[in-house]
N, C-alpha and C. Protein backbone atom coordinates (compact mmCIF):
# COMPACT_ATOMS: atom_id res chain seq x y z
N MET A 1 36.76 -8.95 10.78
CA MET A 1 37.73 -10.03 10.59
C MET A 1 39.12 -9.42 10.43
N SER A 2 40.08 -9.96 11.13
CA SER A 2 41.44 -9.41 11.07
C SER A 2 42.15 -9.89 9.81
N GLN A 3 43.25 -9.21 9.50
CA GLN A 3 44.06 -9.59 8.33
C GLN A 3 44.54 -11.03 8.49
N ASN A 4 44.88 -11.40 9.73
CA ASN A 4 45.34 -12.75 10.01
C ASN A 4 44.28 -13.79 9.66
N GLN A 5 43.01 -13.47 9.97
CA GLN A 5 41.93 -14.41 9.65
C GLN A 5 41.76 -14.55 8.15
N GLY A 6 41.96 -13.44 7.40
CA GLY A 6 41.89 -13.49 5.94
C GLY A 6 42.97 -14.40 5.37
N VAL A 7 44.18 -14.32 5.96
CA VAL A 7 45.29 -15.18 5.53
C VAL A 7 44.94 -16.65 5.79
N LEU A 8 44.40 -16.92 6.98
CA LEU A 8 44.02 -18.30 7.32
C LEU A 8 42.94 -18.81 6.38
N LEU A 9 41.98 -17.95 6.06
CA LEU A 9 40.90 -18.32 5.15
C LEU A 9 41.47 -18.66 3.76
N LEU A 10 42.37 -17.84 3.25
CA LEU A 10 42.98 -18.10 1.95
C LEU A 10 43.79 -19.40 1.97
N ARG A 11 44.53 -19.63 3.05
CA ARG A 11 45.31 -20.87 3.16
C ARG A 11 44.38 -22.08 3.15
N ARG A 12 43.25 -21.97 3.87
CA ARG A 12 42.30 -23.08 3.93
C ARG A 12 41.70 -23.34 2.54
N GLN A 13 41.35 -22.26 1.83
CA GLN A 13 40.77 -22.43 0.49
C GLN A 13 41.78 -23.08 -0.46
N LEU A 14 43.04 -22.69 -0.36
CA LEU A 14 44.09 -23.27 -1.20
C LEU A 14 44.24 -24.76 -0.88
N ALA A 15 44.27 -25.10 0.39
CA ALA A 15 44.40 -26.50 0.80
C ALA A 15 43.19 -27.31 0.32
N ASP A 16 41.98 -26.75 0.44
CA ASP A 16 40.77 -27.44 -0.02
C ASP A 16 40.82 -27.71 -1.52
N LEU A 17 41.25 -26.71 -2.29
CA LEU A 17 41.32 -26.87 -3.75
C LEU A 17 42.37 -27.90 -4.14
N ASN A 18 43.48 -27.95 -3.39
CA ASN A 18 44.51 -28.95 -3.68
C ASN A 18 44.03 -30.35 -3.33
N LYS A 19 43.27 -30.46 -2.26
CA LYS A 19 42.78 -31.76 -1.80
C LYS A 19 41.59 -32.24 -2.65
N ASN A 20 40.71 -31.30 -3.00
CA ASN A 20 39.50 -31.63 -3.77
C ASN A 20 39.43 -30.73 -5.00
N PRO A 21 40.21 -31.05 -6.04
CA PRO A 21 40.20 -30.20 -7.24
C PRO A 21 38.80 -30.10 -7.85
N VAL A 22 38.51 -28.95 -8.40
CA VAL A 22 37.21 -28.70 -9.03
C VAL A 22 37.40 -28.76 -10.53
N GLU A 23 36.50 -29.44 -11.21
CA GLU A 23 36.61 -29.55 -12.66
C GLU A 23 36.51 -28.17 -13.31
N GLY A 24 37.37 -27.92 -14.29
CA GLY A 24 37.28 -26.67 -15.04
C GLY A 24 38.37 -25.66 -14.75
N PHE A 25 39.06 -25.84 -13.62
CA PHE A 25 40.14 -24.90 -13.32
C PHE A 25 41.11 -25.51 -12.31
N SER A 26 42.30 -24.91 -12.27
CA SER A 26 43.25 -25.22 -11.20
C SER A 26 43.74 -23.90 -10.66
N ALA A 27 44.19 -23.90 -9.41
CA ALA A 27 44.62 -22.66 -8.78
C ALA A 27 45.79 -22.93 -7.85
N GLY A 28 46.67 -21.97 -7.76
CA GLY A 28 47.81 -22.06 -6.85
C GLY A 28 48.42 -20.69 -6.67
N LEU A 29 49.41 -20.61 -5.81
CA LEU A 29 50.07 -19.33 -5.55
C LEU A 29 51.08 -19.02 -6.64
N ILE A 30 51.19 -17.76 -7.00
CA ILE A 30 52.21 -17.32 -7.96
C ILE A 30 53.58 -17.47 -7.30
N ASP A 31 53.63 -17.09 -6.02
CA ASP A 31 54.86 -17.16 -5.24
C ASP A 31 54.48 -17.73 -3.87
N ASP A 32 55.12 -18.81 -3.47
CA ASP A 32 54.76 -19.49 -2.22
C ASP A 32 54.82 -18.58 -1.00
N GLU A 33 55.52 -17.47 -1.10
CA GLU A 33 55.65 -16.54 0.04
C GLU A 33 54.52 -15.52 0.09
N ASP A 34 53.63 -15.49 -0.92
CA ASP A 34 52.60 -14.45 -0.99
C ASP A 34 51.22 -15.07 -1.18
N ILE A 35 50.49 -15.22 -0.08
CA ILE A 35 49.15 -15.84 -0.10
C ILE A 35 48.12 -14.97 -0.84
N TYR A 36 48.45 -13.68 -1.06
CA TYR A 36 47.50 -12.76 -1.69
C TYR A 36 47.52 -12.77 -3.22
N ARG A 37 48.46 -13.50 -3.83
CA ARG A 37 48.55 -13.51 -5.30
C ARG A 37 48.49 -14.94 -5.81
N TRP A 38 47.42 -15.23 -6.55
CA TRP A 38 47.17 -16.58 -7.06
C TRP A 38 47.21 -16.58 -8.58
N GLU A 39 47.63 -17.72 -9.13
CA GLU A 39 47.50 -17.94 -10.58
C GLU A 39 46.48 -19.04 -10.77
N VAL A 40 45.56 -18.82 -11.70
CA VAL A 40 44.57 -19.85 -12.00
C VAL A 40 44.67 -20.20 -13.48
N LEU A 41 44.30 -21.41 -13.78
CA LEU A 41 44.21 -21.86 -15.16
C LEU A 41 42.77 -22.30 -15.36
N ILE A 42 42.07 -21.59 -16.22
CA ILE A 42 40.68 -21.93 -16.52
C ILE A 42 40.66 -22.68 -17.83
N ILE A 43 40.02 -23.84 -17.80
CA ILE A 43 39.89 -24.65 -19.00
C ILE A 43 38.58 -24.24 -19.66
N GLY A 44 38.65 -23.87 -20.94
CA GLY A 44 37.45 -23.43 -21.65
C GLY A 44 36.33 -24.45 -21.48
N PRO A 45 35.16 -23.98 -21.00
CA PRO A 45 34.06 -24.91 -20.71
C PRO A 45 33.56 -25.64 -21.95
N PRO A 46 33.22 -26.93 -21.81
CA PRO A 46 32.68 -27.71 -22.93
C PRO A 46 31.41 -27.06 -23.48
N ASP A 47 31.17 -27.26 -24.77
CA ASP A 47 29.97 -26.73 -25.44
C ASP A 47 29.87 -25.21 -25.39
N THR A 48 31.03 -24.53 -25.33
CA THR A 48 31.05 -23.07 -25.46
C THR A 48 32.09 -22.74 -26.53
N TYR A 49 32.12 -21.49 -26.95
CA TYR A 49 33.12 -21.05 -27.93
C TYR A 49 34.54 -21.21 -27.37
N TYR A 50 34.67 -21.25 -26.05
CA TYR A 50 35.99 -21.28 -25.39
C TYR A 50 36.49 -22.70 -25.14
N GLU A 51 35.70 -23.70 -25.54
CA GLU A 51 36.06 -25.10 -25.31
C GLU A 51 37.46 -25.39 -25.84
N GLY A 52 38.26 -26.09 -25.03
CA GLY A 52 39.60 -26.47 -25.45
C GLY A 52 40.67 -25.44 -25.13
N GLY A 53 40.25 -24.27 -24.66
CA GLY A 53 41.23 -23.22 -24.34
C GLY A 53 41.81 -23.41 -22.95
N PHE A 54 43.01 -22.86 -22.76
CA PHE A 54 43.68 -22.87 -21.45
C PHE A 54 44.02 -21.42 -21.12
N PHE A 55 43.23 -20.81 -20.26
CA PHE A 55 43.34 -19.38 -20.01
C PHE A 55 43.92 -19.11 -18.62
N LYS A 56 45.11 -18.50 -18.61
CA LYS A 56 45.74 -18.15 -17.34
C LYS A 56 45.20 -16.81 -16.86
N ALA A 57 45.01 -16.73 -15.54
CA ALA A 57 44.55 -15.48 -14.93
C ALA A 57 45.20 -15.34 -13.56
N HIS A 58 45.25 -14.11 -13.08
CA HIS A 58 45.76 -13.86 -11.73
C HIS A 58 44.62 -13.32 -10.86
N LEU A 59 44.57 -13.80 -9.64
CA LEU A 59 43.66 -13.28 -8.62
C LEU A 59 44.54 -12.57 -7.60
N THR A 60 44.24 -11.31 -7.32
CA THR A 60 44.99 -10.55 -6.33
C THR A 60 44.03 -10.16 -5.22
N PHE A 61 44.31 -10.67 -4.03
CA PHE A 61 43.42 -10.44 -2.89
C PHE A 61 43.86 -9.21 -2.11
N PRO A 62 42.90 -8.40 -1.64
CA PRO A 62 43.26 -7.23 -0.83
C PRO A 62 43.62 -7.67 0.60
N GLN A 63 44.31 -6.82 1.33
CA GLN A 63 44.68 -7.12 2.71
C GLN A 63 43.44 -7.35 3.58
N ASP A 64 42.32 -6.71 3.23
CA ASP A 64 41.11 -6.86 4.05
C ASP A 64 40.13 -7.92 3.51
N TYR A 65 40.68 -8.87 2.72
CA TYR A 65 39.87 -10.02 2.30
C TYR A 65 39.43 -10.76 3.56
N PRO A 66 38.22 -11.25 3.66
CA PRO A 66 37.15 -11.37 2.67
C PRO A 66 36.14 -10.22 2.68
N GLN A 67 36.46 -9.13 3.40
CA GLN A 67 35.52 -8.00 3.41
C GLN A 67 35.42 -7.34 2.04
N LYS A 68 36.54 -7.35 1.31
CA LYS A 68 36.58 -6.79 -0.04
C LYS A 68 36.96 -7.89 -1.03
N PRO A 69 36.50 -7.78 -2.28
CA PRO A 69 36.78 -8.83 -3.27
C PRO A 69 38.19 -8.74 -3.85
N PRO A 70 38.67 -9.86 -4.39
CA PRO A 70 39.93 -9.82 -5.13
C PRO A 70 39.71 -9.16 -6.49
N LYS A 71 40.80 -8.85 -7.15
CA LYS A 71 40.77 -8.41 -8.55
C LYS A 71 41.19 -9.62 -9.37
N MET A 72 40.59 -9.75 -10.55
CA MET A 72 40.97 -10.85 -11.42
C MET A 72 41.35 -10.29 -12.78
N LYS A 73 42.46 -10.80 -13.30
CA LYS A 73 42.99 -10.32 -14.58
C LYS A 73 43.46 -11.52 -15.40
N PHE A 74 42.96 -11.62 -16.64
CA PHE A 74 43.43 -12.69 -17.54
C PHE A 74 44.79 -12.30 -18.08
N MET A 75 45.72 -13.24 -18.04
CA MET A 75 47.06 -13.04 -18.56
C MET A 75 47.12 -13.55 -20.01
N THR A 76 46.24 -14.50 -20.31
CA THR A 76 46.12 -15.04 -21.67
C THR A 76 45.12 -14.15 -22.42
N GLU A 77 45.43 -13.86 -23.67
CA GLU A 77 44.52 -13.06 -24.48
C GLU A 77 43.17 -13.78 -24.58
N ILE A 78 42.09 -13.03 -24.36
CA ILE A 78 40.75 -13.63 -24.44
C ILE A 78 39.77 -12.57 -24.92
N TRP A 79 38.89 -12.96 -25.84
CA TRP A 79 37.90 -12.06 -26.43
C TRP A 79 36.56 -12.36 -25.79
N HIS A 80 36.07 -11.43 -24.98
CA HIS A 80 34.83 -11.65 -24.23
C HIS A 80 34.25 -10.31 -23.81
N PRO A 81 32.92 -10.17 -23.85
CA PRO A 81 32.30 -8.89 -23.47
C PRO A 81 32.64 -8.41 -22.05
N ASN A 82 32.88 -9.33 -21.13
CA ASN A 82 33.09 -8.94 -19.73
C ASN A 82 34.57 -8.96 -19.30
N ILE A 83 35.46 -9.00 -20.30
CA ILE A 83 36.90 -8.97 -20.00
C ILE A 83 37.52 -7.87 -20.85
N ASP A 84 38.17 -6.92 -20.19
CA ASP A 84 38.81 -5.81 -20.90
C ASP A 84 39.91 -6.37 -21.80
N SER A 85 39.82 -6.07 -23.10
CA SER A 85 40.73 -6.70 -24.06
C SER A 85 42.18 -6.21 -23.92
N LYS A 86 42.38 -5.01 -23.36
CA LYS A 86 43.75 -4.51 -23.20
C LYS A 86 44.37 -4.94 -21.88
N SER A 87 43.64 -4.77 -20.78
CA SER A 87 44.21 -5.05 -19.46
C SER A 87 43.98 -6.48 -19.00
N GLY A 88 42.94 -7.13 -19.54
CA GLY A 88 42.59 -8.48 -19.08
C GLY A 88 41.71 -8.48 -17.84
N ASP A 89 41.35 -7.28 -17.34
CA ASP A 89 40.54 -7.20 -16.13
C ASP A 89 39.15 -7.80 -16.35
N VAL A 90 38.71 -8.57 -15.34
CA VAL A 90 37.41 -9.22 -15.41
C VAL A 90 36.37 -8.32 -14.75
N CYS A 91 35.26 -8.11 -15.45
CA CYS A 91 34.17 -7.31 -14.93
C CYS A 91 32.98 -8.23 -14.71
N ILE A 92 32.77 -8.63 -13.46
CA ILE A 92 31.67 -9.53 -13.11
C ILE A 92 31.15 -9.07 -11.74
N SER A 93 29.85 -9.16 -11.57
CA SER A 93 29.20 -8.60 -10.38
C SER A 93 29.83 -9.05 -9.07
N ILE A 94 30.12 -10.35 -8.93
CA ILE A 94 30.60 -10.80 -7.62
C ILE A 94 31.99 -10.28 -7.27
N LEU A 95 32.69 -9.67 -8.24
CA LEU A 95 33.98 -9.07 -7.93
C LEU A 95 33.88 -7.56 -7.70
N HIS A 96 32.64 -7.04 -7.67
CA HIS A 96 32.45 -5.62 -7.40
C HIS A 96 32.26 -5.42 -5.89
N ASP A 97 32.80 -4.31 -5.36
CA ASP A 97 32.71 -4.05 -3.93
C ASP A 97 31.29 -4.24 -3.41
N PRO A 98 31.16 -4.68 -2.15
CA PRO A 98 29.84 -4.94 -1.59
C PRO A 98 28.99 -3.66 -1.48
N GLY A 99 27.70 -3.87 -1.36
CA GLY A 99 26.79 -2.74 -1.13
C GLY A 99 26.03 -2.33 -2.38
N GLU A 100 25.50 -1.12 -2.32
CA GLU A 100 24.68 -0.59 -3.41
C GLU A 100 25.54 -0.26 -4.63
N ASP A 101 24.97 -0.49 -5.81
CA ASP A 101 25.62 -0.10 -7.07
C ASP A 101 25.17 1.31 -7.39
N LYS A 102 26.13 2.25 -7.44
CA LYS A 102 25.76 3.65 -7.67
C LYS A 102 25.10 3.85 -9.04
N PHE A 103 25.29 2.90 -9.97
CA PHE A 103 24.66 3.02 -11.29
C PHE A 103 23.31 2.30 -11.36
N GLY A 104 23.02 1.51 -10.34
CA GLY A 104 21.72 0.84 -10.28
C GLY A 104 21.58 -0.40 -11.14
N TYR A 105 22.69 -0.95 -11.67
CA TYR A 105 22.61 -2.13 -12.52
C TYR A 105 22.54 -3.42 -11.71
N GLU A 106 23.20 -3.44 -10.55
CA GLU A 106 23.32 -4.68 -9.79
C GLU A 106 22.64 -4.55 -8.44
N ARG A 107 21.99 -5.64 -8.04
CA ARG A 107 21.43 -5.69 -6.69
C ARG A 107 22.57 -6.01 -5.72
N PRO A 108 22.49 -5.55 -4.47
CA PRO A 108 23.57 -5.81 -3.50
C PRO A 108 23.91 -7.30 -3.38
N GLU A 109 22.92 -8.17 -3.48
CA GLU A 109 23.19 -9.61 -3.33
C GLU A 109 23.93 -10.20 -4.53
N GLU A 110 24.01 -9.46 -5.65
CA GLU A 110 24.77 -9.94 -6.81
C GLU A 110 26.24 -9.56 -6.70
N ARG A 111 26.53 -8.61 -5.80
CA ARG A 111 27.89 -8.09 -5.67
C ARG A 111 28.67 -8.94 -4.67
N TRP A 112 29.89 -8.53 -4.36
CA TRP A 112 30.75 -9.28 -3.45
C TRP A 112 30.10 -9.48 -2.09
N LEU A 113 30.20 -10.70 -1.61
CA LEU A 113 29.80 -11.04 -0.25
C LEU A 113 30.96 -11.83 0.36
N PRO A 114 31.26 -11.63 1.64
CA PRO A 114 32.40 -12.33 2.26
C PRO A 114 32.29 -13.86 2.25
N ILE A 115 31.11 -14.39 1.92
CA ILE A 115 30.97 -15.86 1.86
C ILE A 115 31.57 -16.44 0.59
N HIS A 116 31.86 -15.58 -0.40
CA HIS A 116 32.44 -16.10 -1.65
C HIS A 116 33.84 -16.64 -1.41
N THR A 117 34.17 -17.67 -2.18
CA THR A 117 35.48 -18.31 -2.08
C THR A 117 36.13 -18.27 -3.46
N VAL A 118 37.37 -18.69 -3.53
CA VAL A 118 38.05 -18.80 -4.82
C VAL A 118 37.21 -19.70 -5.74
N GLU A 119 36.68 -20.78 -5.18
CA GLU A 119 35.86 -21.70 -5.99
C GLU A 119 34.61 -21.00 -6.53
N THR A 120 33.87 -20.27 -5.70
CA THR A 120 32.65 -19.63 -6.20
C THR A 120 32.97 -18.54 -7.22
N ILE A 121 34.10 -17.86 -7.04
CA ILE A 121 34.52 -16.84 -8.01
C ILE A 121 34.79 -17.50 -9.36
N LEU A 122 35.59 -18.57 -9.35
CA LEU A 122 35.98 -19.20 -10.61
C LEU A 122 34.81 -19.91 -11.29
N VAL A 123 33.92 -20.48 -10.51
CA VAL A 123 32.72 -21.09 -11.10
C VAL A 123 31.87 -19.99 -11.77
N SER A 124 31.80 -18.82 -11.14
CA SER A 124 31.06 -17.70 -11.74
C SER A 124 31.72 -17.21 -13.02
N VAL A 125 33.06 -17.16 -13.03
CA VAL A 125 33.78 -16.71 -14.23
C VAL A 125 33.60 -17.74 -15.37
N ILE A 126 33.64 -19.02 -15.04
CA ILE A 126 33.42 -20.06 -16.06
C ILE A 126 32.01 -19.94 -16.62
N SER A 127 31.05 -19.69 -15.75
CA SER A 127 29.67 -19.49 -16.19
C SER A 127 29.56 -18.24 -17.08
N MET A 128 30.31 -17.19 -16.73
CA MET A 128 30.32 -15.96 -17.52
C MET A 128 30.88 -16.22 -18.92
N LEU A 129 31.88 -17.12 -19.02
CA LEU A 129 32.41 -17.44 -20.35
C LEU A 129 31.32 -18.04 -21.22
N ALA A 130 30.50 -18.91 -20.62
CA ALA A 130 29.44 -19.57 -21.37
C ALA A 130 28.28 -18.62 -21.68
N ASP A 131 28.06 -17.65 -20.80
CA ASP A 131 26.88 -16.79 -20.92
C ASP A 131 27.25 -15.34 -20.58
N PRO A 132 27.85 -14.60 -21.53
CA PRO A 132 28.29 -13.23 -21.26
C PRO A 132 27.13 -12.31 -20.90
N ASN A 133 27.45 -11.28 -20.12
CA ASN A 133 26.48 -10.23 -19.82
C ASN A 133 26.83 -9.04 -20.71
N ASP A 134 26.12 -8.92 -21.83
CA ASP A 134 26.45 -7.83 -22.76
C ASP A 134 25.76 -6.52 -22.38
N GLU A 135 25.05 -6.51 -21.24
CA GLU A 135 24.41 -5.28 -20.77
C GLU A 135 25.42 -4.39 -20.03
N SER A 136 26.45 -5.01 -19.50
CA SER A 136 27.43 -4.27 -18.69
C SER A 136 28.84 -4.69 -19.12
N PRO A 137 29.21 -4.37 -20.38
CA PRO A 137 30.47 -4.90 -20.92
C PRO A 137 31.71 -4.14 -20.47
N ALA A 138 32.82 -4.87 -20.38
CA ALA A 138 34.14 -4.26 -20.17
C ALA A 138 34.80 -4.09 -21.54
N ASN A 139 34.32 -4.87 -22.53
CA ASN A 139 34.82 -4.80 -23.89
C ASN A 139 33.63 -4.53 -24.81
N LEU A 140 33.45 -3.25 -25.15
CA LEU A 140 32.28 -2.85 -25.95
C LEU A 140 32.25 -3.51 -27.33
N ASP A 141 33.42 -3.65 -27.96
CA ASP A 141 33.48 -4.26 -29.29
C ASP A 141 33.04 -5.72 -29.24
N ALA A 142 33.52 -6.45 -28.23
CA ALA A 142 33.13 -7.86 -28.10
C ALA A 142 31.64 -7.98 -27.81
N ALA A 143 31.10 -7.08 -27.00
CA ALA A 143 29.67 -7.11 -26.68
C ALA A 143 28.83 -6.86 -27.93
N LYS A 144 29.27 -5.89 -28.74
CA LYS A 144 28.56 -5.56 -29.98
C LYS A 144 28.59 -6.77 -30.93
N GLU A 145 29.77 -7.40 -31.07
CA GLU A 145 29.88 -8.59 -31.93
C GLU A 145 29.04 -9.74 -31.39
N TRP A 146 29.06 -9.93 -30.07
CA TRP A 146 28.28 -11.00 -29.44
C TRP A 146 26.80 -10.86 -29.83
N ARG A 147 26.32 -9.60 -29.86
CA ARG A 147 24.91 -9.34 -30.19
C ARG A 147 24.65 -9.38 -31.69
N GLU A 148 25.57 -8.82 -32.50
CA GLU A 148 25.26 -8.54 -33.90
C GLU A 148 25.99 -9.38 -34.93
N ASP A 149 27.12 -9.99 -34.56
CA ASP A 149 27.90 -10.71 -35.55
C ASP A 149 28.58 -11.92 -34.91
N LYS A 150 27.77 -12.93 -34.60
CA LYS A 150 28.27 -14.12 -33.90
C LYS A 150 29.40 -14.80 -34.67
N THR A 151 29.37 -14.76 -36.01
CA THR A 151 30.40 -15.41 -36.82
C THR A 151 31.76 -14.78 -36.54
N GLU A 152 31.82 -13.45 -36.56
CA GLU A 152 33.08 -12.74 -36.30
C GLU A 152 33.51 -12.96 -34.85
N PHE A 153 32.56 -12.92 -33.94
CA PHE A 153 32.85 -13.15 -32.52
C PHE A 153 33.50 -14.52 -32.33
N LYS A 154 32.86 -15.54 -32.93
CA LYS A 154 33.35 -16.92 -32.84
C LYS A 154 34.77 -17.04 -33.39
N LYS A 155 35.04 -16.35 -34.51
CA LYS A 155 36.37 -16.39 -35.14
C LYS A 155 37.44 -15.85 -34.19
N LYS A 156 37.13 -14.71 -33.56
CA LYS A 156 38.11 -14.09 -32.65
C LYS A 156 38.34 -14.98 -31.43
N VAL A 157 37.28 -15.59 -30.91
CA VAL A 157 37.43 -16.48 -29.76
C VAL A 157 38.25 -17.71 -30.16
N ALA A 158 37.98 -18.27 -31.35
CA ALA A 158 38.71 -19.45 -31.83
C ALA A 158 40.21 -19.13 -31.93
N ARG A 159 40.54 -17.92 -32.38
CA ARG A 159 41.93 -17.49 -32.45
C ARG A 159 42.56 -17.47 -31.05
N CYS A 160 41.82 -16.94 -30.07
CA CYS A 160 42.31 -16.90 -28.68
C CYS A 160 42.49 -18.30 -28.12
N VAL A 161 41.55 -19.21 -28.44
CA VAL A 161 41.64 -20.60 -27.96
C VAL A 161 42.90 -21.26 -28.52
N ARG A 162 43.12 -21.10 -29.84
CA ARG A 162 44.32 -21.69 -30.46
C ARG A 162 45.59 -21.15 -29.82
N LYS A 163 45.64 -19.83 -29.66
CA LYS A 163 46.82 -19.19 -29.07
C LYS A 163 47.02 -19.68 -27.63
N SER A 164 45.93 -19.86 -26.90
CA SER A 164 46.04 -20.32 -25.50
C SER A 164 46.59 -21.74 -25.44
N GLN A 165 46.24 -22.55 -26.42
CA GLN A 165 46.74 -23.93 -26.46
C GLN A 165 48.24 -23.95 -26.73
N GLU A 166 48.68 -23.03 -27.60
CA GLU A 166 50.11 -22.98 -27.96
C GLU A 166 50.97 -22.45 -26.82
N THR A 167 50.40 -21.58 -25.99
CA THR A 167 51.20 -20.93 -24.95
C THR A 167 50.89 -21.44 -23.54
N ALA A 168 50.00 -22.42 -23.41
CA ALA A 168 49.53 -22.86 -22.09
C ALA A 168 50.66 -23.29 -21.15
N TRP A 169 51.69 -23.90 -21.69
CA TRP A 169 52.72 -24.45 -20.81
C TRP A 169 54.00 -23.65 -20.82
N ASP A 170 53.93 -22.41 -21.35
CA ASP A 170 55.12 -21.52 -21.34
C ASP A 170 55.41 -21.04 -19.94
């Protein structure tokens, strides 16, 4: 697939999301001149610790999209086992390069496939918020708390939710 086809694919996905919004998130371009950089707003899923939160994130697509996955980074502070607490980088299987996992944790079909769309990525991230994978954490402290001290974990998430509500429209 040529770079041009990747651009067309991204434009089509953006148009689809604008025409048929999906519950739980909104997405758009950071800069109208750059189809490769998106800003998303994920609404904390109901019946999870993140409920009521408004979490901004950036999706950065490579030039060879959809052959390679985008990178996703939360701009809003968020406490979660699969999100690096310093950089905001999201660690989830479908955003890992296609093929074999050299560490043997993920099956190839769990990793990036060119059929994934912005919608499938964000639905997976929302699902990850509800059900963290503490076996392969990007934030070791959050994973340890998730397993051993749910009260402390919940407190830190509640703080992030409150902060996200205060800064959502900045």
